[in-house]
Amino acid sequence: STVIIASPIYSWIYKFIYQYDNTFYSYSENKDIKNGSGII
């Protein structure tokens, strides 16, 4: 459930290697964050 927002340098690793699905593609992605979510 942790949301990770970062530049693409890091985001692809957490989304596709570690499979944190809530990782943003990039800081420019327009996506809502659910209240109470863990954020990095």
All heavy atoms as atom14 arrays in JSON, in Angstrom:
{
  "sequence": "STVIIASPIYSWIYKFIYQYDNTFYSYSENKDIKNGSGII",
  "atom14_mask": [
    [1, 1, 1, 1, 1, 1, 0, 0, 0, 0, 0, 0, 0, 0],
    [1, 1, 1, 1, 1, 1, 1, 0, 0, 0, 0, 0, 0, 0],
    [1, 1, 1, 1, 1, 1, 1, 0, 0, 0, 0, 0, 0, 0],
    [1, 1, 1, 1, 1, 1, 1, 1, 0, 0, 0, 0, 0, 0],
    [1, 1, 1, 1, 1, 1, 1, 1, 0, 0, 0, 0, 0, 0],
    [1, 1, 1, 1, 1, 0, 0, 0, 0, 0, 0, 0, 0, 0],
    [1, 1, 1, 1, 1, 1, 0, 0, 0, 0, 0, 0, 0, 0],
    [1, 1, 1, 1, 1, 1, 1, 0, 0, 0, 0, 0, 0, 0],
    [1, 1, 1, 1, 1, 1, 1, 1, 0, 0, 0, 0, 0, 0],
    [1, 1, 1, 1, 1, 1, 1, 1, 1, 1, 1, 1, 0, 0],
    [1, 1, 1, 1, 1, 1, 0, 0, 0, 0, 0, 0, 0, 0],
    [1, 1, 1, 1, 1, 1, 1, 1, 1, 1, 1, 1, 1, 1],
    [1, 1, 1, 1, 1, 1, 1, 1, 0, 0, 0, 0, 0, 0],
    [1, 1, 1, 1, 1, 1, 1, 1, 1, 1, 1, 1, 0, 0],
    [1, 1, 1, 1, 1, 1, 1, 1, 1, 0, 0, 0, 0, 0],
    [1, 1, 1, 1, 1, 1, 1, 1, 1, 1, 1, 0, 0, 0],
    [1, 1, 1, 1, 1, 1, 1, 1, 0, 0, 0, 0, 0, 0],
    [1, 1, 1, 1, 1, 1, 1, 1, 1, 1, 1, 1, 0, 0],
    [1, 1, 1, 1, 1, 1, 1, 1, 1, 0, 0, 0, 0, 0],
    [1, 1, 1, 1, 1, 1, 1, 1, 1, 1, 1, 1, 0, 0],
    [1, 1, 1, 1, 1, 1, 1, 1, 0, 0, 0, 0, 0, 0],
    [1, 1, 1, 1, 1, 1, 1, 1, 0, 0, 0, 0, 0, 0],
    [1, 1, 1, 1, 1, 1, 1, 0, 0, 0, 0, 0, 0, 0],
    [1, 1, 1, 1, 1, 1, 1, 1, 1, 1, 1, 0, 0, 0],
    [1, 1, 1, 1, 1, 1, 1, 1, 1, 1, 1, 1, 0, 0],
    [1, 1, 1, 1, 1, 1, 0, 0, 0, 0, 0, 0, 0, 0],
    [1, 1, 1, 1, 1, 1, 1, 1, 1, 1, 1, 1, 0, 0],
    [1, 1, 1, 1, 1, 1, 0, 0, 0, 0, 0, 0, 0, 0],
    [1, 1, 1, 1, 1, 1, 1, 1, 1, 0, 0, 0, 0, 0],
    [1, 1, 1, 1, 1, 1, 1, 1, 0, 0, 0, 0, 0, 0],
    [1, 1, 1, 1, 1, 1, 1, 1, 1, 0, 0, 0, 0, 0],
    [1, 1, 1, 1, 1, 1, 1, 1, 0, 0, 0, 0, 0, 0],
    [1, 1, 1, 1, 1, 1, 1, 1, 0, 0, 0, 0, 0, 0],
    [1, 1, 1, 1, 1, 1, 1, 1, 1, 0, 0, 0, 0, 0],
    [1, 1, 1, 1, 1, 1, 1, 1, 0, 0, 0, 0, 0, 0],
    [1, 1, 1, 1, 0, 0, 0, 0, 0, 0, 0, 0, 0, 0],
    [1, 1, 1, 1, 1, 1, 0, 0, 0, 0, 0, 0, 0, 0],
    [1, 1, 1, 1, 0, 0, 0, 0, 0, 0, 0, 0, 0, 0],
    [1, 1, 1, 1, 1, 1, 1, 1, 0, 0, 0, 0, 0, 0],
    [1, 1, 1, 1, 1, 1, 1, 1, 0, 0, 0, 0, 0, 0]
  ],
  "atom14_positions": [
    [[0.79, -1.23, 0.0], [0.0, 0.0, 0.0], [0.83, 1.28, 0.0], [0.29, 2.35, -0.23], [-0.94, 0.01, 1.21], [-0.19, -0.03, 2.42], [0.0, 0.0, 0.0], [0.0, 0.0, 0.0], [0.0, 0.0, 0.0], [0.0, 0.0, 0.0], [0.0, 0.0, 0.0], [0.0, 0.0, 0.0], [0.0, 0.0, 0.0], [0.0, 0.0, 0.0]],
    [[2.12, 1.19, 0.29], [2.93, 2.4, 0.35], [2.98, 3.09, -1.02], [3.22, 2.45, -2.04], [4.36, 2.07, 0.82], [4.3, 1.44, 2.09], [5.21, 3.32, 0.89], [0.0, 0.0, 0.0], [0.0, 0.0, 0.0], [0.0, 0.0, 0.0], [0.0, 0.0, 0.0], [0.0, 0.0, 0.0], [0.0, 0.0, 0.0], [0.0, 0.0, 0.0]],
    [[2.76, 4.39, -1.0], [2.84, 5.21, -2.21], [4.25, 5.78, -2.31], [4.74, 6.39, -1.36], [1.81, 6.35, -2.19], [1.97, 7.24, -3.41], [0.4, 5.78, -2.13], [0.0, 0.0, 0.0], [0.0, 0.0, 0.0], [0.0, 0.0, 0.0], [0.0, 0.0, 0.0], [0.0, 0.0, 0.0], [0.0, 0.0, 0.0], [0.0, 0.0, 0.0]],
    [[4.9, 5.57, -3.45], [6.25, 6.09, -3.67], [6.2, 7.09, -4.82], [5.75, 6.76, -5.91], [7.23, 4.95, -3.98], [7.27, 3.95, -2.82], [8.63, 5.5, -4.26], [8.07, 2.7, -3.11], [0.0, 0.0, 0.0], [0.0, 0.0, 0.0], [0.0, 0.0, 0.0], [0.0, 0.0, 0.0], [0.0, 0.0, 0.0], [0.0, 0.0, 0.0]],
    [[6.64, 8.3, -4.55], [6.69, 9.35, -5.57], [8.14, 9.76, -5.75], [8.81, 10.18, -4.79], [5.84, 10.58, -5.17], [4.43, 10.16, -4.77], [5.79, 11.58, -6.32], [3.57, 11.3, -4.27], [0.0, 0.0, 0.0], [0.0, 0.0, 0.0], [0.0, 0.0, 0.0], [0.0, 0.0, 0.0], [0.0, 0.0, 0.0], [0.0, 0.0, 0.0]],
    [[8.63, 9.64, -6.96], [10.05, 9.91, -7.23], [10.22, 10.2, -8.7], [9.29, 10.09, -9.5], [10.9, 8.71, -6.82], [0.0, 0.0, 0.0], [0.0, 0.0, 0.0], [0.0, 0.0, 0.0], [0.0, 0.0, 0.0], [0.0, 0.0, 0.0], [0.0, 0.0, 0.0], [0.0, 0.0, 0.0], [0.0, 0.0, 0.0], [0.0, 0.0, 0.0]],
    [[11.43, 10.56, -9.07], [11.75, 10.71, -10.49], [11.84, 9.32, -11.11], [11.97, 8.31, -10.39], [13.07, 11.46, -10.67], [14.17, 10.61, -10.39], [0.0, 0.0, 0.0], [0.0, 0.0, 0.0], [0.0, 0.0, 0.0], [0.0, 0.0, 0.0], [0.0, 0.0, 0.0], [0.0, 0.0, 0.0], [0.0, 0.0, 0.0], [0.0, 0.0, 0.0]],
    [[11.78, 9.22, -12.43], [11.85, 7.89, -13.09], [13.13, 7.12, -12.78], [13.16, 5.91, -12.99], [11.75, 8.23, -14.58], [11.05, 9.55, -14.63], [11.51, 10.29, -13.41], [0.0, 0.0, 0.0], [0.0, 0.0, 0.0], [0.0, 0.0, 0.0], [0.0, 0.0, 0.0], [0.0, 0.0, 0.0], [0.0, 0.0, 0.0], [0.0, 0.0, 0.0]],
    [[14.17, 7.8, -12.3], [15.4, 7.1, -11.94], [15.1, 5.97, -10.96], [15.67, 4.88, -11.04], [16.42, 8.08, -11.32], [16.93, 9.08, -12.37], [17.6, 7.33, -10.7], [17.83, 10.16, -11.79], [0.0, 0.0, 0.0], [0.0, 0.0, 0.0], [0.0, 0.0, 0.0], [0.0, 0.0, 0.0], [0.0, 0.0, 0.0], [0.0, 0.0, 0.0]],
    [[14.17, 6.23, -10.04], [13.87, 5.28, -8.97], [12.51, 4.6, -9.14], [12.33, 3.47, -8.69], [13.9, 6.02, -7.62], [15.11, 6.9, -7.47], [15.03, 8.29, -7.67], [16.36, 6.37, -7.17], [16.14, 9.1, -7.56], [17.48, 7.17, -7.06], [17.37, 8.55, -7.25], [18.47, 9.34, -7.16], [0.0, 0.0, 0.0], [0.0, 0.0, 0.0]],
    [[11.55, 5.28, -9.75], [10.17, 4.78, -9.74], [10.02, 3.43, -10.41], [9.28, 2.57, -9.94], [9.25, 5.82, -10.39], [9.58, 6.01, -11.76], [0.0, 0.0, 0.0], [0.0, 0.0, 0.0], [0.0, 0.0, 0.0], [0.0, 0.0, 0.0], [0.0, 0.0, 0.0], [0.0, 0.0, 0.0], [0.0, 0.0, 0.0], [0.0, 0.0, 0.0]],
    [[10.72, 3.2, -11.53], [10.54, 1.95, -12.25], [11.01, 0.75, -11.43], [10.45, -0.35, -11.55], [11.27, 1.98, -13.6], [12.77, 1.92, -13.52], [13.64, 2.97, -13.41], [13.59, 0.74, -13.57], [14.93, 2.53, -13.38], [14.93, 1.16, -13.48], [13.31, -0.62, -13.68], [16.0, 0.27, -13.5], [14.38, -1.52, -13.69], [15.71, -1.07, -13.6]],
    [[12.01, 0.96, -10.58], [12.51, -0.14, -9.75], [11.45, -0.58, -8.74], [11.19, -1.78, -8.56], [13.81, 0.27, -9.04], [14.92, 0.52, -10.07], [14.25, -0.79, -8.03], [16.21, 1.04, -9.5], [0.0, 0.0, 0.0], [0.0, 0.0, 0.0], [0.0, 0.0, 0.0], [0.0, 0.0, 0.0], [0.0, 0.0, 0.0], [0.0, 0.0, 0.0]],
    [[10.8, 0.4, -8.11], [9.81, 0.06, -7.08], [8.51, -0.45, -7.68], [7.81, -1.25, -7.06], [9.59, 1.26, -6.16], [10.81, 1.5, -5.31], [11.76, 2.46, -5.68], [11.07, 0.72, -4.2], [12.92, 2.64, -4.93], [12.23, 0.89, -3.45], [13.14, 1.85, -3.82], [14.29, 2.01, -3.09], [0.0, 0.0, 0.0], [0.0, 0.0, 0.0]],
    [[8.21, -0.01, -8.88], [6.97, -0.46, -9.51], [7.11, -1.84, -10.15], [6.22, -2.7, -10.01], [6.51, 0.55, -10.56], [5.08, 0.28, -11.07], [4.59, 1.4, -11.92], [3.12, 1.2, -12.31], [2.21, 1.38, -11.16], [0.0, 0.0, 0.0], [0.0, 0.0, 0.0], [0.0, 0.0, 0.0], [0.0, 0.0, 0.0], [0.0, 0.0, 0.0]],
    [[8.23, -2.09, -10.82], [8.36, -3.31, -11.6], [9.29, -4.36, -10.98], [9.1, -5.55, -11.22], [8.84, -2.98, -13.01], [7.88, -2.13, -13.79], [8.17, -0.82, -14.1], [6.65, -2.64, -14.19], [7.29, -0.02, -14.82], [5.75, -1.86, -14.9], [6.07, -0.55, -15.21], [0.0, 0.0, 0.0], [0.0, 0.0, 0.0], [0.0, 0.0, 0.0]],
    [[10.28, -3.93, -10.21], [11.16, -4.89, -9.57], [10.57, -5.35, -8.24], [10.4, -6.53, -7.98], [12.57, -4.31, -9.35], [13.18, -3.83, -10.68], [13.48, -5.35, -8.68], [13.45, -4.92, -11.68], [0.0, 0.0, 0.0], [0.0, 0.0, 0.0], [0.0, 0.0, 0.0], [0.0, 0.0, 0.0], [0.0, 0.0, 0.0], [0.0, 0.0, 0.0]],
    [[10.21, -4.36, -7.39], [9.67, -4.68, -6.07], [8.14, -4.74, -6.05], [7.56, -5.08, -5.03], [10.17, -3.66, -5.04], [11.67, -3.64, -4.91], [12.39, -2.46, -4.98], [12.39, -4.83, -4.72], [13.77, -2.44, -4.86], [13.76, -4.82, -4.6], [14.45, -3.63, -4.67], [15.81, -3.62, -4.55], [0.0, 0.0, 0.0], [0.0, 0.0, 0.0]],
    [[7.53, -4.35, -7.14], [6.08, -4.5, -7.33], [5.25, -3.72, -6.31], [4.25, -4.2, -5.79], [5.71, -5.99, -7.3], [6.38, -6.77, -8.42], [6.13, -8.25, -8.34], [5.45, -8.73, -7.45], [6.7, -8.99, -9.28], [0.0, 0.0, 0.0], [0.0, 0.0, 0.0], [0.0, 0.0, 0.0], [0.0, 0.0, 0.0], [0.0, 0.0, 0.0]],
    [[5.68, -2.5, -6.06], [4.84, -1.56, -5.31], [3.95, -0.85, -6.32], [4.35, 0.13, -6.95], [5.72, -0.57, -4.53], [6.22, -1.13, -3.22], [7.31, -1.99, -3.2], [5.58, -0.84, -2.02], [7.76, -2.54, -2.01], [6.03, -1.38, -0.83], [7.11, -2.23, -0.83], [7.55, -2.77, 0.36], [0.0, 0.0, 0.0], [0.0, 0.0, 0.0]],
    [[2.75, -1.36, -6.47], [1.87, -0.91, -7.55], [1.44, 0.54, -7.43], [1.03, 1.16, -8.41], [0.62, -1.8, -7.62], [0.96, -3.23, -8.03], [1.99, -3.4, -8.71], [0.22, -4.15, -7.66], [0.0, 0.0, 0.0], [0.0, 0.0, 0.0], [0.0, 0.0, 0.0], [0.0, 0.0, 0.0], [0.0, 0.0, 0.0], [0.0, 0.0, 0.0]],
    [[1.5, 1.09, -6.22], [1.09, 2.48, -6.02], [2.2, 3.48, -6.33], [2.05, 4.67, -6.08], [0.6, 2.69, -4.59], [-0.74, 2.01, -4.34], [-1.52, 1.81, -5.27], [-1.0, 1.63, -3.1], [0.0, 0.0, 0.0], [0.0, 0.0, 0.0], [0.0, 0.0, 0.0], [0.0, 0.0, 0.0], [0.0, 0.0, 0.0], [0.0, 0.0, 0.0]],
    [[3.32, 2.99, -6.83], [4.41, 3.88, -7.22], [3.99, 4.74, -8.4], [3.44, 4.22, -9.38], [5.66, 3.08, -7.59], [6.06, 2.28, -6.47], [6.81, 4.0, -7.99], [0.0, 0.0, 0.0], [0.0, 0.0, 0.0], [0.0, 0.0, 0.0], [0.0, 0.0, 0.0], [0.0, 0.0, 0.0], [0.0, 0.0, 0.0], [0.0, 0.0, 0.0]],
    [[4.25, 6.04, -8.32], [3.97, 6.94, -9.43], [4.98, 6.69, -10.55], [6.14, 6.41, -10.29], [4.06, 8.4, -8.99], [2.85, 8.9, -8.25], [2.16, 8.1, -7.37], [2.42, 10.21, -8.41], [1.06, 8.55, -6.67], [1.32, 10.69, -7.73], [0.64, 9.85, -6.85], [0.0, 0.0, 0.0], [0.0, 0.0, 0.0], [0.0, 0.0, 0.0]],
    [[4.5, 6.81, -11.79], [5.42, 6.74, -12.94], [6.54, 7.78, -12.78], [7.71, 7.51, -13.03], [4.63, 6.99, -14.23], [5.47, 7.42, -15.41], [6.2, 6.48, -16.14], [5.53, 8.75, -15.8], [6.97, 6.87, -17.22], [6.3, 9.14, -16.89], [7.01, 8.19, -17.59], [7.78, 8.59, -18.66], [0.0, 0.0, 0.0], [0.0, 0.0, 0.0]],
    [[6.15, 8.94, -12.34], [7.08, 10.05, -12.13], [6.39, 11.06, -11.24], [5.2, 10.94, -10.94], [7.47, 10.68, -13.48], [8.28, 11.82, -13.29], [0.0, 0.0, 0.0], [0.0, 0.0, 0.0], [0.0, 0.0, 0.0], [0.0, 0.0, 0.0], [0.0, 0.0, 0.0], [0.0, 0.0, 0.0], [0.0, 0.0, 0.0], [0.0, 0.0, 0.0]],
    [[7.13, 12.06, -10.81], [6.53, 13.14, -10.03], [5.49, 13.9, -10.84], [4.67, 14.62, -10.28], [7.59, 14.11, -9.54], [8.69, 14.38, -10.55], [8.47, 15.13, -11.71], [9.96, 13.83, -10.38], [9.45, 15.34, -12.64], [10.96, 14.03, -11.32], [10.71, 14.79, -12.44], [11.7, 14.99, -13.36], [0.0, 0.0, 0.0], [0.0, 0.0, 0.0]],
    [[5.5, 13.74, -12.15], [4.55, 14.47, -13.0], [3.23, 13.73, -13.2], [2.31, 14.27, -13.81], [5.18, 14.75, -14.36], [5.51, 13.54, -15.01], [0.0, 0.0, 0.0], [0.0, 0.0, 0.0], [0.0, 0.0, 0.0], [0.0, 0.0, 0.0], [0.0, 0.0, 0.0], [0.0, 0.0, 0.0], [0.0, 0.0, 0.0], [0.0, 0.0, 0.0]],
    [[3.12, 12.49, -12.68], [1.89, 11.74, -12.89], [0.76, 12.32, -12.04], [0.91, 12.52, -10.82], [2.09, 10.26, -12.55], [0.85, 9.43, -12.85], [1.07, 7.94, -12.63], [2.19, 7.56, -12.23], [0.12, 7.18, -12.86], [0.0, 0.0, 0.0], [0.0, 0.0, 0.0], [0.0, 0.0, 0.0], [0.0, 0.0, 0.0], [0.0, 0.0, 0.0]],
    [[-0.36, 12.56, -12.67], [-1.52, 13.17, -11.99], [-2.39, 12.06, -11.41], [-3.32, 11.59, -12.06], [-2.3, 14.03, -12.98], [-3.35, 14.87, -12.29], [-3.38, 14.97, -11.07], [-4.21, 15.49, -13.07], [0.0, 0.0, 0.0], [0.0, 0.0, 0.0], [0.0, 0.0, 0.0], [0.0, 0.0, 0.0], [0.0, 0.0, 0.0], [0.0, 0.0, 0.0]],
    [[-2.07, 11.64, -10.19], [-2.78, 10.54, -9.58], [-3.1, 10.89, -8.13], [-2.29, 11.49, -7.43], [-1.93, 9.27, -9.64], [-2.66, 8.01, -9.23], [-1.92, 6.76, -9.69], [-0.59, 6.57, -9.01], [0.04, 5.28, -9.35], [0.0, 0.0, 0.0], [0.0, 0.0, 0.0], [0.0, 0.0, 0.0], [0.0, 0.0, 0.0], [0.0, 0.0, 0.0]],
    [[-4.31, 10.52, -7.7], [-4.74, 10.82, -6.34], [-4.09, 9.88, -5.34], [-3.77, 8.72, -5.66], [-6.26, 10.71, -6.22], [-6.98, 11.79, -7.04], [-6.42, 12.9, -7.16], [-8.08, 11.51, -7.55], [0.0, 0.0, 0.0], [0.0, 0.0, 0.0], [0.0, 0.0, 0.0], [0.0, 0.0, 0.0], [0.0, 0.0, 0.0], [0.0, 0.0, 0.0]],
    [[-3.91, 10.38, -4.11], [-3.37, 9.58, -3.02], [-4.46, 9.4, -1.99], [-5.07, 10.37, -1.52], [-2.15, 10.27, -2.38], [-1.05, 10.5, -3.42], [-1.61, 9.43, -1.23], [0.11, 11.31, -2.9], [0.0, 0.0, 0.0], [0.0, 0.0, 0.0], [0.0, 0.0, 0.0], [0.0, 0.0, 0.0], [0.0, 0.0, 0.0], [0.0, 0.0, 0.0]],
    [[-4.75, 8.14, -1.63], [-5.79, 7.87, -0.66], [-5.37, 8.35, 0.72], [-4.2, 8.24, 1.1], [-6.1, 6.38, -0.62], [-6.7, 5.83, -1.91], [-6.97, 4.34, -1.79], [-7.57, 3.8, -3.09], [-7.82, 2.34, -3.0], [0.0, 0.0, 0.0], [0.0, 0.0, 0.0], [0.0, 0.0, 0.0], [0.0, 0.0, 0.0], [0.0, 0.0, 0.0]],
    [[-6.32, 8.87, 1.48], [-6.05, 9.3, 2.85], [-5.58, 8.12, 3.68], [-6.12, 7.02, 3.6], [-7.31, 9.9, 3.48], [-7.71, 11.21, 2.83], [-6.86, 11.93, 2.31], [-9.0, 11.53, 2.85], [0.0, 0.0, 0.0], [0.0, 0.0, 0.0], [0.0, 0.0, 0.0], [0.0, 0.0, 0.0], [0.0, 0.0, 0.0], [0.0, 0.0, 0.0]],
    [[-4.56, 8.37, 4.5], [-4.04, 7.33, 5.37], [-2.99, 6.45, 4.73], [-2.48, 5.54, 5.37], [0.0, 0.0, 0.0], [0.0, 0.0, 0.0], [0.0, 0.0, 0.0], [0.0, 0.0, 0.0], [0.0, 0.0, 0.0], [0.0, 0.0, 0.0], [0.0, 0.0, 0.0], [0.0, 0.0, 0.0], [0.0, 0.0, 0.0], [0.0, 0.0, 0.0]],
    [[-2.67, 6.69, 3.47], [-1.66, 5.88, 2.79], [-0.27, 6.2, 3.31], [0.04, 7.36, 3.66], [-1.7, 6.12, 1.28], [-2.94, 5.74, 0.74], [0.0, 0.0, 0.0], [0.0, 0.0, 0.0], [0.0, 0.0, 0.0], [0.0, 0.0, 0.0], [0.0, 0.0, 0.0], [0.0, 0.0, 0.0], [0.0, 0.0, 0.0], [0.0, 0.0, 0.0]],
    [[0.57, 5.17, 3.38], [1.97, 5.42, 3.65], [2.6, 6.06, 2.43], [2.34, 5.64, 1.3], [0.0, 0.0, 0.0], [0.0, 0.0, 0.0], [0.0, 0.0, 0.0], [0.0, 0.0, 0.0], [0.0, 0.0, 0.0], [0.0, 0.0, 0.0], [0.0, 0.0, 0.0], [0.0, 0.0, 0.0], [0.0, 0.0, 0.0], [0.0, 0.0, 0.0]],
    [[3.41, 7.09, 2.62], [4.01, 7.83, 1.5], [5.51, 7.93, 1.7], [5.99, 8.22, 2.8], [3.41, 9.25, 1.38], [1.88, 9.18, 1.19], [4.05, 10.01, 0.22], [1.22, 10.54, 1.2], [0.0, 0.0, 0.0], [0.0, 0.0, 0.0], [0.0, 0.0, 0.0], [0.0, 0.0, 0.0], [0.0, 0.0, 0.0], [0.0, 0.0, 0.0]],
    [[6.25, 7.7, 0.62], [7.69, 7.97, 0.59], [7.96, 8.86, -0.6], [7.58, 8.53, -1.73], [8.51, 6.67, 0.48], [8.3, 5.79, 1.72], [9.99, 7.0, 0.31], [9.03, 4.46, 1.63], [0.0, 0.0, 0.0], [0.0, 0.0, 0.0], [0.0, 0.0, 0.0], [0.0, 0.0, 0.0], [0.0, 0.0, 0.0], [0.0, 0.0, 0.0]]
  ]
}
